[in-house]
């Protein structure tokens, strides 16, 4: 399954258009929110919220899905970038690879990979996500939007992102194929 997440280039608050095979979603950061608060909607119904919390050492977020599930997202390693997302009896590990690539594992099995665009006009970050057909689209979208939250409100006209140039905890598997 392929999902595309596009940040709108201009706006007072970060806004995203999310295209998945079965639905189109949009997400918007709450205007004048003290902490990061992002709502993901489908047909004007909230399907998930992402709540960011201040932490001087590690990024921390919570995902609250409309069906009652809750996930905690946090940075586990800064030097070799690794994040985790846990909740509802599931555990995801997110690896940032060299360049602009990421992979998502549920347990020991890779379930998704995504890549960010190198050149962005305004706030125009884009992510192209490939995921297994049985992967939870909303959880994966929450993960991607949380990673992007560090890039919010770029005041530059054009940004060139070289991505991760440091060490990686796990090399990107170019041969991975979605199921």
N, C-alpha and C. Protein backbone atom coordinates (compact mmCIF):
# COMPACT_ATOMS: atom_id res chain seq x y z
N UNK A 1 0.84 -1.16 0.00
CA UNK A 1 0.00 0.00 0.00
C UNK A 1 0.90 1.24 0.00
N UNK A 2 0.54 2.21 -0.79
CA UNK A 2 1.29 3.47 -0.86
C UNK A 2 0.46 4.59 -0.25
N UNK A 3 1.12 5.44 0.53
CA UNK A 3 0.48 6.60 1.13
C UNK A 3 1.38 7.80 0.85
N UNK A 4 0.78 8.92 0.51
CA UNK A 4 1.53 10.15 0.28
C UNK A 4 1.06 11.19 1.29
N UNK A 5 2.02 11.82 1.95
CA UNK A 5 1.73 12.88 2.91
C UNK A 5 2.40 14.14 2.41
N UNK A 6 1.60 15.18 2.16
CA UNK A 6 2.13 16.45 1.65
C UNK A 6 1.76 17.57 2.60
N UNK A 7 2.78 18.29 3.03
CA UNK A 7 2.56 19.46 3.86
C UNK A 7 2.25 20.63 2.93
N UNK A 8 1.22 21.37 3.24
CA UNK A 8 0.90 22.53 2.41
C UNK A 8 2.00 23.57 2.54
N UNK A 9 2.34 24.17 1.44
CA UNK A 9 3.51 25.04 1.38
C UNK A 9 3.35 26.34 2.17
N UNK A 10 2.14 26.87 2.24
CA UNK A 10 1.91 28.15 2.89
C UNK A 10 0.73 28.01 3.85
N UNK A 11 0.84 28.63 5.01
CA UNK A 11 -0.26 28.61 5.96
C UNK A 11 0.18 29.10 7.32
N UNK A 12 -0.80 29.48 8.15
CA UNK A 12 -0.49 29.95 9.50
C UNK A 12 -0.11 28.79 10.42
N UNK A 13 -0.67 27.64 10.18
CA UNK A 13 -0.34 26.45 10.97
C UNK A 13 -0.04 25.31 10.01
N UNK A 14 0.80 24.36 10.42
CA UNK A 14 1.09 23.22 9.54
C UNK A 14 -0.19 22.46 9.19
N UNK A 15 -0.39 22.23 7.91
CA UNK A 15 -1.55 21.51 7.40
C UNK A 15 -1.05 20.47 6.40
N UNK A 16 -1.63 19.27 6.45
CA UNK A 16 -1.18 18.17 5.61
C UNK A 16 -2.34 17.56 4.84
N UNK A 17 -2.06 17.11 3.62
CA UNK A 17 -3.00 16.32 2.84
C UNK A 17 -2.42 14.92 2.75
N UNK A 18 -3.23 13.92 3.09
CA UNK A 18 -2.78 12.54 3.19
C UNK A 18 -3.63 11.69 2.26
N UNK A 19 -2.98 11.07 1.28
CA UNK A 19 -3.68 10.23 0.31
C UNK A 19 -3.32 8.77 0.54
N UNK A 20 -4.34 7.97 0.87
CA UNK A 20 -4.18 6.53 1.05
C UNK A 20 -5.11 5.85 0.04
N UNK A 21 -4.89 4.57 -0.26
CA UNK A 21 -5.72 3.90 -1.27
C UNK A 21 -7.22 3.92 -0.96
N UNK A 22 -7.59 3.84 0.32
CA UNK A 22 -9.01 3.72 0.67
C UNK A 22 -9.63 5.03 1.15
N UNK A 23 -8.83 6.07 1.38
CA UNK A 23 -9.39 7.30 1.93
C UNK A 23 -8.42 8.46 1.75
N UNK A 24 -8.97 9.65 1.89
CA UNK A 24 -8.15 10.86 1.90
C UNK A 24 -8.35 11.51 3.27
N UNK A 25 -7.23 11.83 3.90
CA UNK A 25 -7.25 12.43 5.23
C UNK A 25 -6.62 13.82 5.14
N UNK A 26 -6.87 14.62 6.16
CA UNK A 26 -6.12 15.85 6.30
C UNK A 26 -5.76 16.02 7.76
N UNK A 27 -4.72 16.76 8.02
CA UNK A 27 -4.26 16.98 9.39
C UNK A 27 -3.90 18.45 9.53
N UNK A 28 -4.16 18.98 10.71
CA UNK A 28 -3.87 20.39 10.96
C UNK A 28 -3.46 20.56 12.41
N UNK A 29 -2.41 21.35 12.59
CA UNK A 29 -1.98 21.68 13.94
C UNK A 29 -2.95 22.70 14.51
N UNK A 30 -3.32 22.51 15.76
CA UNK A 30 -4.25 23.43 16.40
C UNK A 30 -3.64 24.83 16.44
N UNK A 31 -4.41 25.82 16.07
CA UNK A 31 -3.95 27.20 16.02
C UNK A 31 -3.71 27.71 17.44
N UNK A 32 -2.57 28.30 17.68
CA UNK A 32 -2.18 28.87 18.98
C UNK A 32 -2.10 27.83 20.09
N UNK A 33 -1.82 26.57 19.76
CA UNK A 33 -1.68 25.54 20.79
C UNK A 33 -0.38 25.75 21.55
N UNK A 34 -0.42 25.59 22.87
CA UNK A 34 0.79 25.74 23.68
C UNK A 34 1.73 24.58 23.40
N UNK A 35 1.25 23.37 23.49
CA UNK A 35 2.02 22.19 23.11
C UNK A 35 1.60 21.79 21.70
N UNK A 36 2.43 20.98 21.07
CA UNK A 36 2.05 20.47 19.75
C UNK A 36 0.75 19.68 19.89
N UNK A 37 -0.21 19.99 19.05
CA UNK A 37 -1.48 19.26 19.03
C UNK A 37 -1.94 19.21 17.58
N UNK A 38 -1.97 18.02 17.01
CA UNK A 38 -2.31 17.85 15.61
C UNK A 38 -3.52 16.92 15.52
N UNK A 39 -4.50 17.30 14.74
CA UNK A 39 -5.69 16.47 14.53
C UNK A 39 -5.68 15.90 13.12
N UNK A 40 -5.94 14.60 13.00
CA UNK A 40 -6.05 13.95 11.71
C UNK A 40 -7.52 13.64 11.48
N UNK A 41 -8.06 14.09 10.34
CA UNK A 41 -9.48 13.94 10.07
C UNK A 41 -9.72 13.19 8.76
N UNK A 42 -10.85 12.50 8.72
CA UNK A 42 -11.37 11.87 7.50
C UNK A 42 -12.84 12.24 7.44
N UNK A 43 -13.25 12.89 6.37
CA UNK A 43 -14.64 13.34 6.20
C UNK A 43 -15.09 14.16 7.41
N UNK A 44 -14.22 15.08 7.83
CA UNK A 44 -14.48 16.00 8.95
C UNK A 44 -14.63 15.32 10.30
N UNK A 45 -14.36 14.03 10.39
CA UNK A 45 -14.37 13.32 11.67
C UNK A 45 -12.93 13.10 12.13
N UNK A 46 -12.65 13.40 13.40
CA UNK A 46 -11.30 13.20 13.93
C UNK A 46 -11.06 11.70 14.07
N UNK A 47 -9.99 11.21 13.43
CA UNK A 47 -9.62 9.79 13.53
C UNK A 47 -8.43 9.59 14.45
N UNK A 48 -7.66 10.67 14.71
CA UNK A 48 -6.52 10.58 15.62
C UNK A 48 -6.07 11.98 15.99
N UNK A 49 -5.47 12.08 17.17
CA UNK A 49 -4.79 13.32 17.57
C UNK A 49 -3.38 12.95 18.00
N UNK A 50 -2.47 13.87 17.75
CA UNK A 50 -1.08 13.72 18.19
C UNK A 50 -0.82 14.85 19.17
N UNK A 51 -0.42 14.49 20.37
CA UNK A 51 -0.12 15.47 21.40
C UNK A 51 1.37 15.43 21.72
N UNK A 52 2.05 16.56 21.55
CA UNK A 52 3.48 16.64 21.85
C UNK A 52 3.69 17.19 23.25
N UNK A 53 4.73 16.72 23.92
CA UNK A 53 5.06 17.16 25.27
C UNK A 53 6.49 17.66 25.31
N UNK A 54 6.71 18.72 26.08
CA UNK A 54 8.04 19.27 26.20
C UNK A 54 8.92 18.32 27.00
N UNK A 55 10.10 18.06 26.47
CA UNK A 55 11.10 17.27 27.17
C UNK A 55 12.46 17.78 26.70
N UNK A 56 13.33 18.20 27.61
CA UNK A 56 14.62 18.76 27.18
C UNK A 56 15.57 17.72 26.58
N UNK A 57 15.34 16.45 26.84
CA UNK A 57 16.26 15.41 26.37
C UNK A 57 15.68 14.58 25.24
N UNK A 58 14.42 14.17 25.35
CA UNK A 58 13.83 13.27 24.38
C UNK A 58 12.49 13.81 23.89
N UNK A 59 12.26 13.67 22.58
CA UNK A 59 10.95 14.03 22.04
C UNK A 59 9.92 13.03 22.55
N UNK A 60 8.79 13.54 23.02
CA UNK A 60 7.72 12.66 23.51
C UNK A 60 6.40 13.11 22.92
N UNK A 61 5.63 12.15 22.43
CA UNK A 61 4.31 12.42 21.87
C UNK A 61 3.37 11.29 22.27
N UNK A 62 2.09 11.58 22.26
CA UNK A 62 1.06 10.55 22.43
C UNK A 62 0.12 10.62 21.25
N UNK A 63 -0.27 9.45 20.76
CA UNK A 63 -1.28 9.34 19.71
C UNK A 63 -2.56 8.83 20.36
N UNK A 64 -3.66 9.51 20.12
CA UNK A 64 -4.97 9.09 20.62
C UNK A 64 -5.84 8.83 19.40
N UNK A 65 -6.17 7.56 19.16
CA UNK A 65 -6.99 7.20 18.00
C UNK A 65 -8.46 7.20 18.39
N UNK A 66 -9.33 7.45 17.43
CA UNK A 66 -10.78 7.56 17.69
C UNK A 66 -11.37 6.28 18.25
N UNK A 67 -10.74 5.14 17.95
CA UNK A 67 -11.28 3.86 18.46
C UNK A 67 -10.83 3.57 19.89
N UNK A 68 -10.15 4.52 20.54
CA UNK A 68 -9.77 4.38 21.94
C UNK A 68 -8.33 3.94 22.17
N UNK A 69 -7.63 3.57 21.12
CA UNK A 69 -6.23 3.15 21.29
C UNK A 69 -5.34 4.36 21.57
N UNK A 70 -4.31 4.15 22.38
CA UNK A 70 -3.34 5.19 22.71
C UNK A 70 -1.93 4.63 22.54
N UNK A 71 -1.04 5.44 21.96
CA UNK A 71 0.35 5.05 21.75
C UNK A 71 1.26 6.14 22.30
N UNK A 72 2.40 5.73 22.86
CA UNK A 72 3.42 6.66 23.32
C UNK A 72 4.60 6.58 22.37
N UNK A 73 5.01 7.74 21.87
CA UNK A 73 6.11 7.84 20.92
C UNK A 73 7.25 8.60 21.58
N UNK A 74 8.46 8.08 21.49
CA UNK A 74 9.60 8.83 22.03
C UNK A 74 10.91 8.44 21.36
N UNK A 75 11.84 9.36 21.43
CA UNK A 75 13.18 9.13 20.91
C UNK A 75 13.92 8.23 21.89
N UNK A 76 14.53 7.17 21.40
CA UNK A 76 15.32 6.27 22.25
C UNK A 76 16.80 6.55 22.13
N UNK A 77 17.27 6.89 20.92
CA UNK A 77 18.68 7.16 20.70
C UNK A 77 18.83 8.38 19.79
N UNK A 78 19.69 9.30 20.17
CA UNK A 78 19.94 10.46 19.31
C UNK A 78 21.13 10.24 18.38
N UNK A 79 22.18 9.62 18.88
CA UNK A 79 23.40 9.46 18.10
C UNK A 79 23.17 8.61 16.86
N UNK A 80 22.56 7.45 17.05
CA UNK A 80 22.11 6.60 15.94
C UNK A 80 20.60 6.64 16.02
N UNK A 81 19.95 7.53 15.25
CA UNK A 81 18.54 7.85 15.48
C UNK A 81 17.59 6.65 15.45
N UNK A 82 16.99 6.39 16.63
CA UNK A 82 16.01 5.33 16.79
C UNK A 82 14.90 5.86 17.69
N UNK A 83 13.65 5.70 17.24
CA UNK A 83 12.48 6.09 18.02
C UNK A 83 11.63 4.85 18.27
N UNK A 84 10.77 4.92 19.28
CA UNK A 84 9.83 3.83 19.54
C UNK A 84 8.43 4.39 19.65
N UNK A 85 7.47 3.53 19.34
CA UNK A 85 6.06 3.86 19.48
C UNK A 85 5.40 2.62 20.08
N UNK A 86 4.87 2.76 21.30
CA UNK A 86 4.31 1.61 22.00
C UNK A 86 2.91 1.91 22.50
N UNK A 87 2.07 0.89 22.44
CA UNK A 87 0.72 1.02 22.95
C UNK A 87 -0.17 -0.06 22.39
N UNK A 88 -1.28 -0.29 23.06
CA UNK A 88 -2.26 -1.26 22.60
C UNK A 88 -1.64 -2.64 22.37
N UNK A 89 -0.65 -3.00 23.18
CA UNK A 89 0.00 -4.30 23.04
C UNK A 89 0.94 -4.42 21.85
N UNK A 90 1.23 -3.30 21.19
CA UNK A 90 2.11 -3.30 20.01
C UNK A 90 3.34 -2.45 20.30
N UNK A 91 4.43 -2.80 19.62
CA UNK A 91 5.66 -2.03 19.75
C UNK A 91 6.25 -1.81 18.37
N UNK A 92 6.47 -0.56 18.03
CA UNK A 92 7.07 -0.18 16.75
C UNK A 92 8.43 0.44 17.02
N UNK A 93 9.39 0.16 16.15
CA UNK A 93 10.70 0.79 16.20
C UNK A 93 10.91 1.52 14.88
N UNK A 94 11.32 2.78 14.98
CA UNK A 94 11.50 3.61 13.79
C UNK A 94 12.99 3.94 13.67
N UNK A 95 13.57 3.56 12.54
CA UNK A 95 14.99 3.82 12.29
C UNK A 95 15.13 4.92 11.25
N UNK A 96 15.98 5.91 11.56
CA UNK A 96 16.35 6.92 10.57
C UNK A 96 17.65 6.47 9.94
N UNK A 97 17.66 6.39 8.63
CA UNK A 97 18.84 5.91 7.90
C UNK A 97 19.59 7.09 7.30
N UNK A 98 20.71 6.81 6.70
CA UNK A 98 21.46 7.87 6.02
C UNK A 98 20.59 8.45 4.91
N UNK A 99 20.75 9.74 4.73
CA UNK A 99 19.93 10.40 3.73
C UNK A 99 18.56 10.72 4.31
N UNK A 100 17.53 10.50 3.54
CA UNK A 100 16.16 10.88 3.91
C UNK A 100 15.23 9.69 4.03
N UNK A 101 15.78 8.52 4.37
CA UNK A 101 14.98 7.29 4.43
C UNK A 101 14.76 6.85 5.87
N UNK A 102 13.60 6.23 6.08
CA UNK A 102 13.21 5.70 7.38
C UNK A 102 12.61 4.32 7.17
N UNK A 103 12.68 3.49 8.21
CA UNK A 103 11.97 2.22 8.18
C UNK A 103 11.26 2.02 9.50
N UNK A 104 10.14 1.31 9.44
CA UNK A 104 9.31 1.05 10.62
C UNK A 104 9.20 -0.45 10.79
N UNK A 105 9.49 -0.91 12.00
CA UNK A 105 9.40 -2.33 12.34
C UNK A 105 8.34 -2.52 13.41
N UNK A 106 7.54 -3.58 13.28
CA UNK A 106 6.64 -4.02 14.34
C UNK A 106 7.27 -5.30 14.85
N UNK A 107 7.77 -5.26 16.07
CA UNK A 107 8.57 -6.39 16.56
C UNK A 107 9.85 -6.46 15.75
N UNK A 108 10.14 -7.63 15.20
CA UNK A 108 11.36 -7.80 14.39
C UNK A 108 11.09 -7.72 12.90
N UNK A 109 9.85 -7.44 12.50
CA UNK A 109 9.49 -7.46 11.09
C UNK A 109 9.25 -6.05 10.55
N UNK A 110 9.90 -5.72 9.43
CA UNK A 110 9.68 -4.42 8.80
C UNK A 110 8.29 -4.40 8.18
N UNK A 111 7.55 -3.33 8.47
CA UNK A 111 6.19 -3.20 7.93
C UNK A 111 6.02 -1.96 7.05
N UNK A 112 7.00 -1.03 7.11
CA UNK A 112 6.87 0.19 6.31
C UNK A 112 8.24 0.81 6.08
N UNK A 113 8.33 1.59 5.01
CA UNK A 113 9.50 2.40 4.71
C UNK A 113 9.00 3.70 4.11
N UNK A 114 9.66 4.78 4.42
CA UNK A 114 9.26 6.05 3.82
C UNK A 114 10.47 6.94 3.58
N UNK A 115 10.26 7.89 2.68
CA UNK A 115 11.32 8.79 2.28
C UNK A 115 10.77 10.21 2.20
N UNK A 116 11.58 11.15 2.62
CA UNK A 116 11.21 12.57 2.60
C UNK A 116 11.82 13.22 1.36
N UNK A 117 11.16 14.26 0.86
CA UNK A 117 11.70 14.99 -0.29
C UNK A 117 12.94 15.78 0.12
N UNK A 118 13.87 15.92 -0.81
CA UNK A 118 15.12 16.64 -0.53
C UNK A 118 14.93 18.15 -0.60
N UNK A 119 14.17 18.64 -1.57
CA UNK A 119 13.98 20.08 -1.76
C UNK A 119 12.54 20.42 -1.41
N UNK A 120 12.37 21.40 -0.54
CA UNK A 120 11.02 21.83 -0.15
C UNK A 120 10.88 23.33 -0.40
N UNK A 121 9.77 23.71 -0.97
CA UNK A 121 9.43 25.11 -1.19
C UNK A 121 8.52 25.52 -0.05
N UNK A 122 8.92 26.52 0.74
CA UNK A 122 8.13 26.91 1.91
C UNK A 122 8.09 25.77 2.91
N UNK A 123 6.90 25.44 3.36
CA UNK A 123 6.72 24.33 4.30
C UNK A 123 6.43 23.02 3.59
N UNK A 124 6.77 22.88 2.34
CA UNK A 124 6.32 21.77 1.52
C UNK A 124 7.02 20.44 1.67
N UNK A 125 7.15 19.93 2.91
CA UNK A 125 7.71 18.59 3.07
C UNK A 125 6.73 17.56 2.52
N UNK A 126 7.28 16.53 1.89
CA UNK A 126 6.47 15.43 1.36
C UNK A 126 7.09 14.11 1.77
N UNK A 127 6.24 13.15 2.05
CA UNK A 127 6.69 11.81 2.42
C UNK A 127 5.97 10.79 1.55
N UNK A 128 6.74 9.87 1.01
CA UNK A 128 6.19 8.77 0.23
C UNK A 128 6.38 7.51 1.05
N UNK A 129 5.27 6.90 1.44
CA UNK A 129 5.27 5.77 2.36
C UNK A 129 4.87 4.50 1.63
N UNK A 130 5.65 3.45 1.80
CA UNK A 130 5.28 2.11 1.34
C UNK A 130 5.06 1.27 2.58
N UNK A 131 3.94 0.56 2.64
CA UNK A 131 3.68 -0.26 3.84
C UNK A 131 2.96 -1.54 3.48
N UNK A 132 3.11 -2.52 4.37
CA UNK A 132 2.40 -3.78 4.20
C UNK A 132 0.90 -3.53 4.21
N UNK A 133 0.15 -4.39 3.53
CA UNK A 133 -1.30 -4.21 3.45
C UNK A 133 -1.99 -4.35 4.80
N UNK A 134 -1.36 -5.09 5.74
CA UNK A 134 -1.98 -5.26 7.05
C UNK A 134 -1.47 -4.25 8.09
N UNK A 135 -0.63 -3.31 7.67
CA UNK A 135 -0.14 -2.28 8.59
C UNK A 135 -1.26 -1.28 8.88
N UNK A 136 -1.26 -0.71 10.06
CA UNK A 136 -2.27 0.26 10.48
C UNK A 136 -1.91 1.62 9.89
N UNK A 137 -2.69 2.05 8.90
CA UNK A 137 -2.41 3.30 8.19
C UNK A 137 -2.37 4.49 9.15
N UNK A 138 -3.31 4.57 10.07
CA UNK A 138 -3.38 5.73 10.96
C UNK A 138 -2.15 5.79 11.87
N UNK A 139 -1.72 4.67 12.41
CA UNK A 139 -0.53 4.66 13.27
C UNK A 139 0.70 5.08 12.48
N UNK A 140 0.86 4.55 11.26
CA UNK A 140 2.01 4.92 10.44
C UNK A 140 1.97 6.41 10.08
N UNK A 141 0.81 6.93 9.75
CA UNK A 141 0.68 8.36 9.44
C UNK A 141 1.05 9.19 10.67
N UNK A 142 0.61 8.78 11.85
CA UNK A 142 0.97 9.49 13.08
C UNK A 142 2.48 9.50 13.28
N UNK A 143 3.13 8.38 13.01
CA UNK A 143 4.59 8.29 13.14
C UNK A 143 5.26 9.30 12.19
N UNK A 144 4.84 9.32 10.93
CA UNK A 144 5.45 10.22 9.95
C UNK A 144 5.22 11.68 10.35
N UNK A 145 4.01 12.03 10.75
CA UNK A 145 3.74 13.42 11.13
C UNK A 145 4.51 13.84 12.37
N UNK A 146 4.73 12.90 13.28
CA UNK A 146 5.53 13.21 14.47
C UNK A 146 6.97 13.48 14.09
N UNK A 147 7.52 12.69 13.18
CA UNK A 147 8.89 12.94 12.70
C UNK A 147 8.97 14.29 12.02
N UNK A 148 7.96 14.65 11.27
CA UNK A 148 7.96 15.94 10.57
C UNK A 148 7.78 17.11 11.52
N UNK A 149 7.23 16.88 12.71
CA UNK A 149 6.94 17.99 13.62
C UNK A 149 8.19 18.77 14.01
N UNK A 150 9.36 18.17 13.90
CA UNK A 150 10.60 18.88 14.18
C UNK A 150 10.94 19.90 13.12
N UNK A 151 10.29 19.80 11.95
CA UNK A 151 10.55 20.71 10.84
C UNK A 151 9.47 21.76 10.67
N UNK A 152 8.60 21.93 11.67
CA UNK A 152 7.46 22.84 11.55
C UNK A 152 7.86 24.27 11.25
N UNK A 153 7.02 24.91 10.46
CA UNK A 153 7.07 26.33 10.16
C UNK A 153 8.44 26.80 9.68
N UNK A 154 8.82 26.31 8.56
CA UNK A 154 10.05 26.74 7.93
C UNK A 154 9.82 28.11 7.30
N UNK A 155 10.60 29.10 7.71
CA UNK A 155 10.43 30.45 7.19
C UNK A 155 11.23 30.69 5.91
N UNK A 156 11.95 29.71 5.45
CA UNK A 156 12.77 29.86 4.26
C UNK A 156 11.92 29.66 3.01
N UNK A 157 12.38 30.23 1.91
CA UNK A 157 11.68 30.04 0.65
C UNK A 157 11.94 28.66 0.10
N UNK A 158 13.21 28.25 0.09
CA UNK A 158 13.60 26.94 -0.41
C UNK A 158 14.51 26.30 0.62
N UNK A 159 14.26 25.03 0.92
CA UNK A 159 15.09 24.28 1.86
C UNK A 159 15.63 23.04 1.16
N UNK A 160 16.92 22.82 1.31
CA UNK A 160 17.53 21.59 0.81
C UNK A 160 17.94 20.77 2.02
N UNK A 161 17.38 19.59 2.15
CA UNK A 161 17.61 18.73 3.31
C UNK A 161 18.53 17.58 2.89
N UNK A 162 19.68 17.48 3.53
CA UNK A 162 20.60 16.38 3.23
C UNK A 162 20.30 15.16 4.07
N UNK A 163 19.39 15.29 5.04
CA UNK A 163 19.00 14.16 5.86
C UNK A 163 20.07 13.80 6.88
N UNK A 164 20.05 12.55 7.29
CA UNK A 164 20.98 12.04 8.28
C UNK A 164 22.33 11.80 7.62
N UNK A 165 23.36 12.47 8.11
CA UNK A 165 24.70 12.24 7.58
C UNK A 165 25.57 11.53 8.61
N UNK A 166 24.98 11.22 9.75
CA UNK A 166 25.72 10.56 10.82
C UNK A 166 25.53 9.06 10.80
N UNK A 167 25.88 8.41 11.90
CA UNK A 167 25.76 6.95 11.96
C UNK A 167 24.30 6.51 12.01
N UNK A 168 24.08 5.27 11.65
CA UNK A 168 22.73 4.71 11.71
C UNK A 168 22.77 3.41 12.50
N UNK A 169 21.69 3.13 13.25
CA UNK A 169 21.62 1.93 14.07
C UNK A 169 21.43 0.68 13.22
N UNK A 170 20.85 0.85 12.05
CA UNK A 170 20.54 -0.26 11.16
C UNK A 170 20.56 0.26 9.74
N UNK A 171 21.23 -0.41 8.81
CA UNK A 171 21.23 0.07 7.43
C UNK A 171 19.85 -0.10 6.79
N UNK A 172 19.54 0.77 5.84
CA UNK A 172 18.28 0.68 5.12
C UNK A 172 18.30 -0.55 4.21
N UNK A 173 17.23 -1.31 4.22
CA UNK A 173 17.13 -2.52 3.40
C UNK A 173 16.49 -2.17 2.07
N UNK A 174 17.32 -1.93 1.06
CA UNK A 174 16.82 -1.57 -0.28
C UNK A 174 16.00 -2.69 -0.91
N UNK A 175 16.20 -3.92 -0.46
CA UNK A 175 15.49 -5.06 -1.07
C UNK A 175 14.11 -5.30 -0.43
N UNK A 176 13.76 -4.55 0.64
CA UNK A 176 12.49 -4.79 1.31
C UNK A 176 11.33 -4.54 0.37
N UNK A 177 10.38 -5.46 0.37
CA UNK A 177 9.16 -5.34 -0.43
C UNK A 177 7.95 -5.43 0.49
N UNK A 178 6.98 -4.59 0.27
CA UNK A 178 5.76 -4.65 1.08
C UNK A 178 4.98 -5.91 0.73
N UNK A 179 4.24 -6.39 1.72
CA UNK A 179 3.41 -7.59 1.51
C UNK A 179 1.97 -7.19 1.24
